[in-house]
């Protein structure tokens, strides 16, 4: 469905950092979270996820970019989801190649490419993706492609060499806000998920409101 025409900027845009709330699943909760005007809202189309979304995205404010999250999915299915849900952006959370990203980019649509980090990361990997991606997202390497609720060593991102804007993800909650401020990383956006849930896919809007009021990076 099309988005509602709401022109008011989100609090995080005014603060200079974007927020992406990922793993949305329940329709009423989607509308409640949408009323908070996050910059991005993520819907997971990977069937093995406990946050798998198999419904229809309700009408949301136009300021919110709808992101479809995929893990090594076929081009055809990605296109079908883009068409069905009028997605603004897709997040590739698997082992997608540069060539695959280029094919998606030609649709055209914005692309977030995810890179998972544990103890270290070779930033040279990013070079070949720079021409085919709009954003990078750095998450914690765990048992699942995402939503593991743990952080990695964010100090690694002090060496970030690219001009491509990036999201930080992985175990971010209210208790991490002061650390993020102290580290002063060149973050474009923050991706939040499991630390704001009462169950997989169901977000606590009061916690999200508190996060928005404190984030001001």
N, C-alpha and C. Protein backbone atom coordinates (compact mmCIF):
# COMPACT_ATOMS: atom_id res chain seq x y z
N UNK A 1 0.84 -1.19 0.00
CA UNK A 1 0.00 0.00 0.00
C UNK A 1 0.88 1.25 0.00
N UNK A 2 0.35 2.37 -0.53
CA UNK A 2 1.09 3.60 -0.56
C UNK A 2 1.25 4.19 0.83
N UNK A 3 2.23 5.06 0.97
CA UNK A 3 2.47 5.70 2.24
C UNK A 3 1.58 6.92 2.42
N UNK A 4 1.35 7.29 3.68
CA UNK A 4 0.64 8.51 3.98
C UNK A 4 1.56 9.70 3.77
N UNK A 5 0.97 10.86 3.48
CA UNK A 5 1.75 12.06 3.26
C UNK A 5 1.93 12.80 4.58
N UNK A 6 3.04 12.52 5.27
CA UNK A 6 3.37 13.21 6.51
C UNK A 6 4.70 13.88 6.31
N UNK A 7 4.73 15.19 6.39
CA UNK A 7 5.94 15.93 6.03
C UNK A 7 6.86 16.22 7.20
N UNK A 8 6.42 16.03 8.42
CA UNK A 8 7.24 16.36 9.59
C UNK A 8 8.49 15.49 9.64
N UNK A 9 9.68 16.09 9.79
CA UNK A 9 10.90 15.30 9.90
C UNK A 9 10.94 14.53 11.20
N UNK A 10 11.60 13.39 11.19
CA UNK A 10 11.68 12.60 12.41
C UNK A 10 12.64 13.26 13.39
N UNK A 11 12.50 12.97 14.69
CA UNK A 11 13.42 13.53 15.68
C UNK A 11 14.87 13.18 15.38
N UNK A 12 15.10 11.99 14.85
CA UNK A 12 16.48 11.57 14.60
C UNK A 12 17.08 12.27 13.40
N UNK A 13 16.26 12.64 12.41
CA UNK A 13 16.77 13.45 11.31
C UNK A 13 17.22 14.81 11.84
N UNK A 14 16.44 15.39 12.74
CA UNK A 14 16.82 16.68 13.30
C UNK A 14 18.09 16.56 14.13
N UNK A 15 18.31 15.39 14.74
CA UNK A 15 19.50 15.18 15.55
C UNK A 15 20.72 14.83 14.70
N UNK A 16 20.52 14.51 13.43
CA UNK A 16 21.63 14.24 12.54
C UNK A 16 21.97 12.77 12.38
N UNK A 17 21.22 11.87 12.99
CA UNK A 17 21.45 10.44 12.81
C UNK A 17 20.11 9.79 12.50
N UNK A 18 20.13 8.79 11.63
CA UNK A 18 18.89 8.12 11.26
C UNK A 18 18.70 6.88 12.11
N UNK A 19 17.44 6.47 12.23
CA UNK A 19 17.17 5.23 12.93
C UNK A 19 16.39 4.30 12.01
N UNK A 20 16.80 3.05 12.05
CA UNK A 20 16.11 1.99 11.31
C UNK A 20 15.61 0.99 12.34
N UNK A 21 14.31 0.77 12.36
CA UNK A 21 13.72 -0.22 13.26
C UNK A 21 13.40 -1.45 12.44
N UNK A 22 14.08 -2.54 12.73
CA UNK A 22 14.00 -3.71 11.87
C UNK A 22 13.24 -4.85 12.54
N UNK A 23 12.83 -5.81 11.73
CA UNK A 23 12.16 -6.99 12.24
C UNK A 23 10.72 -6.76 12.62
N UNK A 24 10.04 -5.85 11.91
CA UNK A 24 8.63 -5.58 12.20
C UNK A 24 7.77 -6.75 11.70
N UNK A 25 6.72 -7.08 12.46
CA UNK A 25 5.96 -8.27 12.12
C UNK A 25 4.45 -8.13 12.28
N UNK A 26 4.01 -7.46 13.34
CA UNK A 26 2.59 -7.42 13.69
C UNK A 26 1.97 -6.09 13.24
N UNK A 27 0.83 -6.17 12.56
CA UNK A 27 0.27 -5.01 11.87
C UNK A 27 -0.02 -3.84 12.80
N UNK A 28 -0.68 -4.08 13.92
CA UNK A 28 -0.99 -2.98 14.84
C UNK A 28 0.28 -2.35 15.39
N UNK A 29 1.27 -3.18 15.70
CA UNK A 29 2.54 -2.69 16.21
C UNK A 29 3.29 -1.89 15.15
N UNK A 30 3.17 -2.30 13.90
CA UNK A 30 3.80 -1.56 12.80
C UNK A 30 3.25 -0.14 12.75
N UNK A 31 1.94 0.00 12.90
CA UNK A 31 1.32 1.33 12.89
C UNK A 31 1.75 2.15 14.11
N UNK A 32 1.85 1.50 15.27
CA UNK A 32 2.29 2.20 16.48
C UNK A 32 3.72 2.71 16.34
N UNK A 33 4.59 1.87 15.81
CA UNK A 33 5.98 2.26 15.61
C UNK A 33 6.07 3.31 14.50
N UNK A 34 5.25 3.16 13.47
CA UNK A 34 5.24 4.14 12.39
C UNK A 34 4.89 5.53 12.88
N UNK A 35 4.05 5.62 13.90
CA UNK A 35 3.68 6.92 14.46
C UNK A 35 4.86 7.63 15.11
N UNK A 36 5.93 6.88 15.42
CA UNK A 36 7.13 7.48 15.99
C UNK A 36 8.03 8.09 14.91
N UNK A 37 7.69 7.87 13.65
CA UNK A 37 8.42 8.40 12.50
C UNK A 37 9.90 8.03 12.47
N UNK A 38 10.23 6.74 12.55
CA UNK A 38 11.62 6.35 12.29
C UNK A 38 11.94 6.64 10.82
N UNK A 39 13.21 6.68 10.50
CA UNK A 39 13.61 6.98 9.12
C UNK A 39 13.45 5.77 8.21
N UNK A 40 13.72 4.59 8.75
CA UNK A 40 13.62 3.35 8.01
C UNK A 40 12.87 2.32 8.87
N UNK A 41 12.09 1.45 8.22
CA UNK A 41 11.44 0.36 8.91
C UNK A 41 11.69 -0.92 8.12
N UNK A 42 12.22 -1.94 8.79
CA UNK A 42 12.64 -3.15 8.11
C UNK A 42 11.68 -4.31 8.27
N UNK A 43 11.44 -5.02 7.16
CA UNK A 43 10.57 -6.19 7.13
C UNK A 43 11.37 -7.37 6.59
N UNK A 44 11.44 -8.44 7.37
CA UNK A 44 12.30 -9.57 7.04
C UNK A 44 11.54 -10.59 6.19
N UNK A 45 12.07 -10.86 5.01
CA UNK A 45 11.46 -11.82 4.10
C UNK A 45 12.29 -13.10 3.98
N UNK A 46 12.97 -13.44 5.05
CA UNK A 46 13.72 -14.69 5.15
C UNK A 46 12.89 -15.65 6.00
N UNK A 47 12.42 -16.73 5.41
CA UNK A 47 11.43 -17.59 6.06
C UNK A 47 11.92 -18.26 7.33
N UNK A 48 13.22 -18.41 7.51
CA UNK A 48 13.74 -19.06 8.70
C UNK A 48 13.77 -18.14 9.92
N UNK A 49 13.50 -16.87 9.71
CA UNK A 49 13.54 -15.90 10.80
C UNK A 49 12.28 -15.96 11.64
N UNK A 50 12.43 -15.79 12.96
CA UNK A 50 11.26 -15.70 13.85
C UNK A 50 10.51 -14.40 13.62
N UNK A 51 11.10 -13.49 12.88
CA UNK A 51 10.46 -12.21 12.56
C UNK A 51 10.02 -12.17 11.09
N UNK A 52 9.88 -13.31 10.49
CA UNK A 52 9.48 -13.40 9.08
C UNK A 52 8.14 -12.69 8.86
N UNK A 53 8.10 -11.84 7.85
CA UNK A 53 6.90 -11.05 7.57
C UNK A 53 6.18 -11.64 6.35
N UNK A 54 4.93 -12.07 6.56
CA UNK A 54 4.18 -12.71 5.48
C UNK A 54 2.81 -12.08 5.30
N UNK A 55 2.68 -10.83 5.73
CA UNK A 55 1.41 -10.13 5.59
C UNK A 55 1.56 -8.98 4.60
N UNK A 56 0.70 -7.98 4.70
CA UNK A 56 0.78 -6.80 3.85
C UNK A 56 1.14 -5.60 4.70
N UNK A 57 2.12 -4.84 4.27
CA UNK A 57 2.55 -3.67 5.03
C UNK A 57 1.43 -2.63 5.03
N UNK A 58 1.01 -2.18 6.22
CA UNK A 58 -0.06 -1.17 6.26
C UNK A 58 0.44 0.19 5.80
N UNK A 59 -0.49 1.10 5.62
CA UNK A 59 -0.16 2.45 5.17
C UNK A 59 0.69 3.16 6.22
N UNK A 60 1.84 3.69 5.78
CA UNK A 60 2.79 4.35 6.68
C UNK A 60 3.08 5.76 6.18
N UNK A 61 3.59 6.63 7.06
CA UNK A 61 3.98 7.97 6.63
C UNK A 61 5.04 7.91 5.52
N UNK A 62 4.96 8.84 4.58
CA UNK A 62 5.88 8.82 3.45
C UNK A 62 7.33 9.06 3.84
N UNK A 63 7.55 9.65 5.01
CA UNK A 63 8.92 9.89 5.44
C UNK A 63 9.64 8.61 5.83
N UNK A 64 8.91 7.53 6.04
CA UNK A 64 9.51 6.25 6.44
C UNK A 64 9.86 5.44 5.20
N UNK A 65 11.13 5.07 5.06
CA UNK A 65 11.54 4.19 3.97
C UNK A 65 11.30 2.74 4.37
N UNK A 66 10.55 2.03 3.54
CA UNK A 66 10.26 0.62 3.81
C UNK A 66 11.39 -0.23 3.23
N UNK A 67 11.99 -1.02 4.11
CA UNK A 67 13.15 -1.84 3.74
C UNK A 67 12.78 -3.32 3.77
N UNK A 68 13.03 -4.01 2.67
CA UNK A 68 12.86 -5.45 2.64
C UNK A 68 14.19 -6.13 2.89
N UNK A 69 14.22 -7.05 3.86
CA UNK A 69 15.46 -7.72 4.25
C UNK A 69 15.46 -9.13 3.65
N UNK A 70 16.53 -9.45 2.92
CA UNK A 70 16.64 -10.73 2.22
C UNK A 70 17.98 -11.40 2.53
N UNK A 71 17.97 -12.73 2.51
CA UNK A 71 19.20 -13.51 2.75
C UNK A 71 19.38 -14.48 1.59
N UNK A 72 20.31 -14.17 0.70
CA UNK A 72 20.62 -15.04 -0.45
C UNK A 72 19.35 -15.45 -1.21
N UNK A 73 18.48 -14.48 -1.42
CA UNK A 73 17.22 -14.73 -2.10
C UNK A 73 17.39 -14.58 -3.61
N UNK A 74 16.47 -15.17 -4.37
CA UNK A 74 16.53 -15.07 -5.83
C UNK A 74 16.12 -13.67 -6.28
N UNK A 75 16.62 -13.28 -7.43
CA UNK A 75 16.28 -11.99 -8.01
C UNK A 75 14.78 -11.87 -8.22
N UNK A 76 14.17 -12.93 -8.69
CA UNK A 76 12.74 -12.90 -9.01
C UNK A 76 11.88 -12.65 -7.77
N UNK A 77 12.21 -13.32 -6.67
CA UNK A 77 11.43 -13.13 -5.45
C UNK A 77 11.62 -11.73 -4.89
N UNK A 78 12.85 -11.24 -4.94
CA UNK A 78 13.10 -9.87 -4.47
C UNK A 78 12.26 -8.87 -5.27
N UNK A 79 12.24 -9.03 -6.57
CA UNK A 79 11.45 -8.13 -7.42
C UNK A 79 9.97 -8.22 -7.07
N UNK A 80 9.49 -9.43 -6.82
CA UNK A 80 8.07 -9.59 -6.49
C UNK A 80 7.72 -8.90 -5.18
N UNK A 81 8.62 -8.96 -4.20
CA UNK A 81 8.37 -8.30 -2.92
C UNK A 81 8.44 -6.78 -3.06
N UNK A 82 9.35 -6.30 -3.88
CA UNK A 82 9.44 -4.86 -4.13
C UNK A 82 8.13 -4.36 -4.73
N UNK A 83 7.63 -5.09 -5.70
CA UNK A 83 6.39 -4.69 -6.37
C UNK A 83 5.19 -4.78 -5.43
N UNK A 84 5.10 -5.86 -4.67
CA UNK A 84 3.94 -6.07 -3.80
C UNK A 84 3.87 -5.04 -2.69
N UNK A 85 5.01 -4.73 -2.08
CA UNK A 85 5.02 -3.89 -0.88
C UNK A 85 5.48 -2.45 -1.16
N UNK A 86 5.79 -2.16 -2.42
CA UNK A 86 6.28 -0.82 -2.79
C UNK A 86 7.48 -0.43 -1.91
N UNK A 87 8.45 -1.32 -1.86
CA UNK A 87 9.62 -1.11 -1.03
C UNK A 87 10.47 0.04 -1.56
N UNK A 88 11.07 0.78 -0.65
CA UNK A 88 11.96 1.88 -1.02
C UNK A 88 13.42 1.46 -1.05
N UNK A 89 13.70 0.37 -0.37
CA UNK A 89 15.09 -0.04 -0.18
C UNK A 89 15.11 -1.53 0.12
N UNK A 90 16.19 -2.20 -0.27
CA UNK A 90 16.35 -3.60 0.13
C UNK A 90 17.66 -3.77 0.88
N UNK A 91 17.65 -4.69 1.82
CA UNK A 91 18.82 -5.00 2.63
C UNK A 91 19.25 -6.42 2.31
N UNK A 92 20.47 -6.57 1.84
CA UNK A 92 21.00 -7.88 1.45
C UNK A 92 21.89 -8.39 2.57
N UNK A 93 21.42 -9.45 3.23
CA UNK A 93 22.03 -9.91 4.48
C UNK A 93 22.74 -11.25 4.32
N UNK A 94 23.02 -11.63 3.07
CA UNK A 94 23.67 -12.92 2.86
C UNK A 94 25.02 -12.77 2.18
N UNK A 95 25.30 -13.69 1.27
CA UNK A 95 26.58 -13.69 0.55
C UNK A 95 26.42 -13.18 -0.88
N UNK A 96 25.58 -12.19 -1.05
CA UNK A 96 25.30 -11.66 -2.39
C UNK A 96 26.56 -11.06 -3.02
N UNK A 97 26.73 -11.29 -4.30
CA UNK A 97 27.91 -10.82 -5.02
C UNK A 97 27.72 -9.38 -5.50
N UNK A 98 28.83 -8.79 -5.94
CA UNK A 98 28.77 -7.46 -6.55
C UNK A 98 27.86 -7.49 -7.77
N UNK A 99 27.97 -8.55 -8.57
CA UNK A 99 27.15 -8.66 -9.79
C UNK A 99 25.67 -8.72 -9.45
N UNK A 100 25.33 -9.43 -8.38
CA UNK A 100 23.93 -9.52 -7.98
C UNK A 100 23.43 -8.15 -7.52
N UNK A 101 24.24 -7.45 -6.74
CA UNK A 101 23.87 -6.10 -6.29
C UNK A 101 23.65 -5.17 -7.48
N UNK A 102 24.50 -5.29 -8.48
CA UNK A 102 24.37 -4.45 -9.66
C UNK A 102 23.05 -4.72 -10.38
N UNK A 103 22.68 -5.96 -10.47
CA UNK A 103 21.42 -6.33 -11.12
C UNK A 103 20.23 -5.75 -10.36
N UNK A 104 20.28 -5.80 -9.03
CA UNK A 104 19.21 -5.23 -8.22
C UNK A 104 19.18 -3.72 -8.37
N UNK A 105 20.37 -3.11 -8.38
CA UNK A 105 20.48 -1.66 -8.43
C UNK A 105 19.84 -1.09 -9.70
N UNK A 106 19.85 -1.86 -10.77
CA UNK A 106 19.31 -1.41 -12.04
C UNK A 106 17.79 -1.36 -12.06
N UNK A 107 17.12 -1.78 -10.99
CA UNK A 107 15.65 -1.83 -11.00
C UNK A 107 14.96 -0.48 -11.19
N UNK A 108 15.33 0.66 -10.61
CA UNK A 108 16.37 0.91 -9.60
C UNK A 108 15.74 0.93 -8.21
N UNK A 109 16.58 0.70 -7.19
CA UNK A 109 16.15 0.77 -5.80
C UNK A 109 17.39 0.94 -4.93
N UNK A 110 17.23 1.54 -3.76
CA UNK A 110 18.36 1.69 -2.85
C UNK A 110 18.74 0.35 -2.26
N UNK A 111 20.03 0.17 -2.02
CA UNK A 111 20.55 -1.09 -1.49
C UNK A 111 21.38 -0.85 -0.24
N UNK A 112 21.05 -1.63 0.80
CA UNK A 112 21.89 -1.72 1.99
C UNK A 112 22.57 -3.08 1.96
N UNK A 113 23.88 -3.11 1.93
CA UNK A 113 24.60 -4.39 1.95
C UNK A 113 25.18 -4.60 3.35
N UNK A 114 24.90 -5.77 3.91
CA UNK A 114 25.30 -6.08 5.28
C UNK A 114 26.63 -6.83 5.31
N UNK A 115 27.47 -6.46 6.26
CA UNK A 115 28.72 -7.18 6.51
C UNK A 115 28.77 -7.51 8.00
N UNK A 116 28.98 -8.78 8.30
CA UNK A 116 29.00 -9.25 9.68
C UNK A 116 30.42 -9.28 10.22
N UNK A 117 30.58 -8.82 11.46
CA UNK A 117 31.90 -8.68 12.07
C UNK A 117 31.95 -9.44 13.38
N UNK A 118 33.07 -10.12 13.61
CA UNK A 118 33.29 -10.77 14.89
C UNK A 118 34.47 -10.12 15.60
N UNK A 119 35.68 -10.55 15.30
CA UNK A 119 36.86 -10.01 15.98
C UNK A 119 37.63 -8.99 15.14
N UNK A 120 37.51 -9.10 13.82
CA UNK A 120 38.22 -8.16 12.95
C UNK A 120 37.47 -8.08 11.62
N UNK A 121 37.91 -7.17 10.76
CA UNK A 121 37.24 -6.99 9.48
C UNK A 121 38.21 -6.38 8.48
N UNK A 122 38.23 -6.92 7.26
CA UNK A 122 39.07 -6.41 6.18
C UNK A 122 38.25 -5.40 5.37
N UNK A 123 38.50 -4.13 5.58
CA UNK A 123 37.71 -3.09 4.93
C UNK A 123 37.91 -3.04 3.42
N UNK A 124 38.94 -3.69 2.92
CA UNK A 124 39.15 -3.71 1.47
C UNK A 124 38.02 -4.44 0.75
N UNK A 125 37.30 -5.30 1.47
CA UNK A 125 36.16 -6.01 0.90
C UNK A 125 35.12 -5.03 0.38
N UNK A 126 35.05 -3.87 1.02
CA UNK A 126 34.02 -2.89 0.66
C UNK A 126 34.24 -2.25 -0.70
N UNK A 127 35.49 -2.21 -1.15
CA UNK A 127 35.84 -1.44 -2.35
C UNK A 127 34.97 -1.78 -3.55
N UNK A 128 34.81 -3.06 -3.84
CA UNK A 128 34.08 -3.46 -5.04
C UNK A 128 32.58 -3.26 -4.92
N UNK A 129 32.09 -3.08 -3.69
CA UNK A 129 30.66 -2.87 -3.49
C UNK A 129 30.26 -1.39 -3.52
N UNK A 130 31.23 -0.51 -3.47
CA UNK A 130 30.91 0.91 -3.35
C UNK A 130 30.10 1.46 -4.51
N UNK A 131 30.32 0.94 -5.69
CA UNK A 131 29.62 1.46 -6.87
C UNK A 131 28.22 0.90 -7.03
N UNK A 132 27.86 -0.12 -6.24
CA UNK A 132 26.56 -0.77 -6.43
C UNK A 132 25.68 -0.73 -5.19
N UNK A 133 26.13 -0.07 -4.13
CA UNK A 133 25.36 0.00 -2.89
C UNK A 133 25.22 1.45 -2.44
N UNK A 134 24.09 1.75 -1.82
CA UNK A 134 23.84 3.09 -1.28
C UNK A 134 24.29 3.21 0.16
N UNK A 135 24.22 2.10 0.88
CA UNK A 135 24.60 2.07 2.28
C UNK A 135 25.26 0.73 2.59
N UNK A 136 26.11 0.74 3.62
CA UNK A 136 26.59 -0.49 4.23
C UNK A 136 25.97 -0.59 5.62
N UNK A 137 25.89 -1.82 6.12
CA UNK A 137 25.43 -2.05 7.48
C UNK A 137 26.36 -3.05 8.13
N UNK A 138 26.87 -2.70 9.30
CA UNK A 138 27.77 -3.59 10.03
C UNK A 138 27.04 -4.18 11.22
N UNK A 139 27.00 -5.51 11.25
CA UNK A 139 26.28 -6.25 12.27
C UNK A 139 27.24 -7.24 12.93
N UNK A 140 26.80 -7.84 14.02
CA UNK A 140 27.61 -8.82 14.73
C UNK A 140 27.44 -10.20 14.10
N UNK A 141 28.54 -10.87 13.82
CA UNK A 141 28.48 -12.23 13.29
C UNK A 141 28.02 -13.17 14.39
N UNK A 142 26.95 -13.93 14.11
CA UNK A 142 26.41 -14.85 15.09
C UNK A 142 25.80 -16.06 14.42
N UNK A 143 25.00 -16.80 15.17
CA UNK A 143 24.39 -18.01 14.63
C UNK A 143 23.40 -17.70 13.51
N UNK A 144 22.72 -16.55 13.62
CA UNK A 144 21.74 -16.14 12.62
C UNK A 144 22.29 -14.97 11.82
N UNK A 145 21.74 -14.72 10.62
CA UNK A 145 22.19 -13.58 9.83
C UNK A 145 21.99 -12.24 10.53
N UNK A 146 21.05 -12.16 11.47
CA UNK A 146 20.82 -10.93 12.21
C UNK A 146 19.93 -11.20 13.41
N UNK A 147 19.73 -10.15 14.23
CA UNK A 147 18.85 -10.29 15.39
C UNK A 147 19.43 -11.12 16.51
N UNK A 148 20.77 -11.20 16.60
CA UNK A 148 21.39 -12.01 17.63
C UNK A 148 21.49 -11.29 18.98
N UNK A 149 21.31 -9.97 18.95
CA UNK A 149 21.28 -9.21 20.20
C UNK A 149 22.62 -9.00 20.86
N UNK A 150 23.72 -9.11 20.10
CA UNK A 150 25.05 -8.91 20.67
C UNK A 150 25.82 -7.89 19.85
N UNK A 151 26.80 -7.26 20.49
CA UNK A 151 27.62 -6.24 19.82
C UNK A 151 28.97 -6.82 19.41
N UNK A 152 29.63 -6.12 18.51
CA UNK A 152 31.02 -6.44 18.18
C UNK A 152 31.88 -5.27 18.65
N UNK A 153 33.18 -5.34 18.41
CA UNK A 153 34.09 -4.28 18.84
C UNK A 153 33.94 -3.07 17.91
N UNK A 154 33.19 -2.08 18.36
CA UNK A 154 32.93 -0.91 17.51
C UNK A 154 34.18 -0.08 17.24
N UNK A 155 35.23 -0.30 18.00
CA UNK A 155 36.49 0.43 17.74
C UNK A 155 37.01 0.16 16.33
N UNK A 156 36.64 -1.00 15.78
CA UNK A 156 37.08 -1.31 14.42
C UNK A 156 36.60 -0.27 13.41
N UNK A 157 35.44 0.33 13.68
CA UNK A 157 34.86 1.28 12.74
C UNK A 157 35.52 2.65 12.80
N UNK A 158 36.42 2.85 13.73
CA UNK A 158 37.20 4.10 13.74
C UNK A 158 38.12 4.16 12.53
N UNK A 159 38.37 3.00 11.92
CA UNK A 159 39.23 2.93 10.74
C UNK A 159 38.43 2.90 9.44
N UNK A 160 37.13 3.19 9.52
CA UNK A 160 36.26 3.11 8.35
C UNK A 160 36.79 4.01 7.24
N UNK A 161 37.12 3.43 6.07
CA UNK A 161 37.78 4.20 5.01
C UNK A 161 36.87 4.69 3.88
N UNK A 162 35.62 4.26 3.88
CA UNK A 162 34.75 4.51 2.72
C UNK A 162 33.92 5.78 2.90
N UNK A 163 33.45 6.29 1.76
CA UNK A 163 32.54 7.44 1.79
C UNK A 163 31.08 7.00 1.76
N UNK A 164 30.83 5.70 1.64
CA UNK A 164 29.46 5.19 1.64
C UNK A 164 28.89 5.28 3.06
N UNK A 165 27.72 5.89 3.25
CA UNK A 165 27.13 5.96 4.59
C UNK A 165 26.90 4.57 5.17
N UNK A 166 27.06 4.42 6.48
CA UNK A 166 26.83 3.10 7.06
C UNK A 166 25.92 3.15 8.28
N UNK A 167 25.22 2.03 8.46
CA UNK A 167 24.40 1.79 9.64
C UNK A 167 25.20 0.91 10.60
N UNK A 168 24.98 1.13 11.89
CA UNK A 168 25.54 0.26 12.92
C UNK A 168 24.40 -0.57 13.50
N UNK A 169 24.64 -1.87 13.62
CA UNK A 169 23.62 -2.78 14.11
C UNK A 169 24.25 -3.79 15.06
N UNK A 170 23.39 -4.52 15.76
CA UNK A 170 23.86 -5.61 16.61
C UNK A 170 23.82 -5.27 18.09
N UNK A 171 22.75 -5.67 18.78
CA UNK A 171 22.69 -5.54 20.22
C UNK A 171 22.63 -4.11 20.75
N UNK A 172 22.08 -3.19 19.97
CA UNK A 172 22.01 -1.80 20.40
C UNK A 172 20.70 -1.55 21.14
N UNK A 173 20.83 -1.06 22.36
CA UNK A 173 19.68 -0.69 23.18
C UNK A 173 19.94 0.64 23.85
N UNK A 174 19.08 1.01 24.77
CA UNK A 174 19.23 2.30 25.47
C UNK A 174 20.54 2.35 26.24
N UNK A 175 20.96 1.21 26.80
CA UNK A 175 22.18 1.20 27.61
C UNK A 175 23.45 1.45 26.80
N UNK A 176 23.35 1.36 25.46
CA UNK A 176 24.52 1.59 24.61
C UNK A 176 24.64 3.04 24.14
N UNK A 177 23.67 3.88 24.44
CA UNK A 177 23.66 5.25 23.90
C UNK A 177 24.89 6.04 24.32
N UNK A 178 25.22 6.02 25.59
CA UNK A 178 26.37 6.81 26.06
C UNK A 178 27.67 6.35 25.42
N UNK A 179 27.82 5.04 25.26
CA UNK A 179 29.02 4.52 24.61
C UNK A 179 29.11 5.01 23.17
N UNK A 180 27.99 4.99 22.47
CA UNK A 180 27.97 5.47 21.09
C UNK A 180 28.38 6.94 21.02
N UNK A 181 27.87 7.74 21.93
CA UNK A 181 28.22 9.16 21.95
C UNK A 181 29.71 9.35 22.23
N UNK A 182 30.23 8.59 23.18
CA UNK A 182 31.64 8.73 23.56
C UNK A 182 32.57 8.32 22.42
N UNK A 183 32.17 7.32 21.64
CA UNK A 183 33.04 6.82 20.58
C UNK A 183 33.04 7.75 19.37
N UNK A 184 31.97 8.51 19.18
CA UNK A 184 31.91 9.51 18.12
C UNK A 184 32.26 8.92 16.75
N UNK A 185 31.63 7.80 16.42
CA UNK A 185 31.86 7.14 15.14
C UNK A 185 31.11 7.87 14.02
N UNK A 186 31.58 7.75 12.78
CA UNK A 186 30.91 8.43 11.65
C UNK A 186 29.67 7.68 11.19
N UNK A 187 28.71 7.52 12.10
CA UNK A 187 27.53 6.70 11.84
C UNK A 187 26.50 7.50 11.05
N UNK A 188 25.96 6.91 9.99
CA UNK A 188 24.84 7.50 9.27
C UNK A 188 23.52 7.15 9.95
N UNK A 189 23.42 5.87 10.36
CA UNK A 189 22.18 5.42 10.97
C UNK A 189 22.41 4.30 11.97
N UNK A 190 21.46 4.12 12.85
CA UNK A 190 21.50 3.06 13.85
C UNK A 190 20.33 2.12 13.60
N UNK A 191 20.63 0.84 13.56
CA UNK A 191 19.64 -0.20 13.31
C UNK A 191 19.33 -0.90 14.63
N UNK A 192 18.06 -0.85 15.05
CA UNK A 192 17.69 -1.49 16.31
C UNK A 192 16.66 -2.58 16.05
N UNK A 193 16.66 -3.57 16.94
CA UNK A 193 15.77 -4.70 16.74
C UNK A 193 15.47 -5.37 18.09
N UNK A 194 16.22 -6.41 18.42
CA UNK A 194 15.84 -7.32 19.50
C UNK A 194 15.80 -6.69 20.88
N UNK A 195 16.61 -5.67 21.14
CA UNK A 195 16.64 -5.07 22.47
C UNK A 195 15.43 -4.20 22.77
N UNK A 196 14.56 -4.04 21.78
CA UNK A 196 13.35 -3.26 21.98
C UNK A 196 12.10 -4.13 21.82
N UNK A 197 12.26 -5.44 22.01
CA UNK A 197 11.15 -6.35 21.78
C UNK A 197 10.62 -6.98 23.06
N UNK A 198 9.32 -7.23 23.06
CA UNK A 198 8.71 -8.03 24.12
C UNK A 198 8.59 -9.49 23.67
N UNK A 199 8.64 -9.70 22.35
CA UNK A 199 8.74 -11.02 21.72
C UNK A 199 9.24 -10.77 20.31
N UNK A 200 9.75 -11.79 19.62
CA UNK A 200 10.29 -11.55 18.29
C UNK A 200 9.29 -10.85 17.36
N UNK A 201 9.68 -9.68 16.88
CA UNK A 201 8.85 -8.92 15.96
C UNK A 201 7.93 -7.92 16.59
N UNK A 202 7.75 -7.97 17.93
CA UNK A 202 6.84 -7.06 18.62
C UNK A 202 7.66 -6.04 19.40
N UNK A 203 7.61 -4.77 18.96
CA UNK A 203 8.45 -3.73 19.54
C UNK A 203 7.74 -2.98 20.66
N UNK A 204 8.54 -2.61 21.67
CA UNK A 204 8.07 -1.82 22.80
C UNK A 204 8.18 -0.34 22.43
N UNK A 205 7.06 0.30 22.16
CA UNK A 205 7.10 1.67 21.67
C UNK A 205 7.59 2.65 22.74
N UNK A 206 7.34 2.37 24.01
CA UNK A 206 7.82 3.27 25.06
C UNK A 206 9.34 3.27 25.11
N UNK A 207 9.94 2.10 24.97
CA UNK A 207 11.40 2.04 24.93
C UNK A 207 11.94 2.77 23.72
N UNK A 208 11.27 2.62 22.59
CA UNK A 208 11.72 3.31 21.38
C UNK A 208 11.61 4.83 21.53
N UNK A 209 10.55 5.30 22.18
CA UNK A 209 10.40 6.73 22.44
C UNK A 209 11.56 7.24 23.29
N UNK A 210 11.90 6.47 24.32
CA UNK A 210 13.01 6.85 25.19
C UNK A 210 14.31 6.89 24.42
N UNK A 211 14.50 5.92 23.53
CA UNK A 211 15.69 5.88 22.70
C UNK A 211 15.76 7.12 21.81
N UNK A 212 14.65 7.47 21.19
CA UNK A 212 14.62 8.66 20.34
C UNK A 212 14.96 9.93 21.10
N UNK A 213 14.47 10.03 22.33
CA UNK A 213 14.70 11.26 23.11
C UNK A 213 16.14 11.39 23.58
N UNK A 214 16.85 10.26 23.65
CA UNK A 214 18.22 10.28 24.19
C UNK A 214 19.31 10.23 23.13
N UNK A 215 18.95 9.86 21.89
CA UNK A 215 19.99 9.48 20.94
C UNK A 215 20.88 10.64 20.53
N UNK A 216 20.35 11.76 20.13
CA UNK A 216 21.08 13.01 19.82
C UNK A 216 22.56 12.93 19.54
N UNK A 217 22.99 12.02 18.67
CA UNK A 217 24.44 11.91 18.37
C UNK A 217 24.85 13.06 17.46
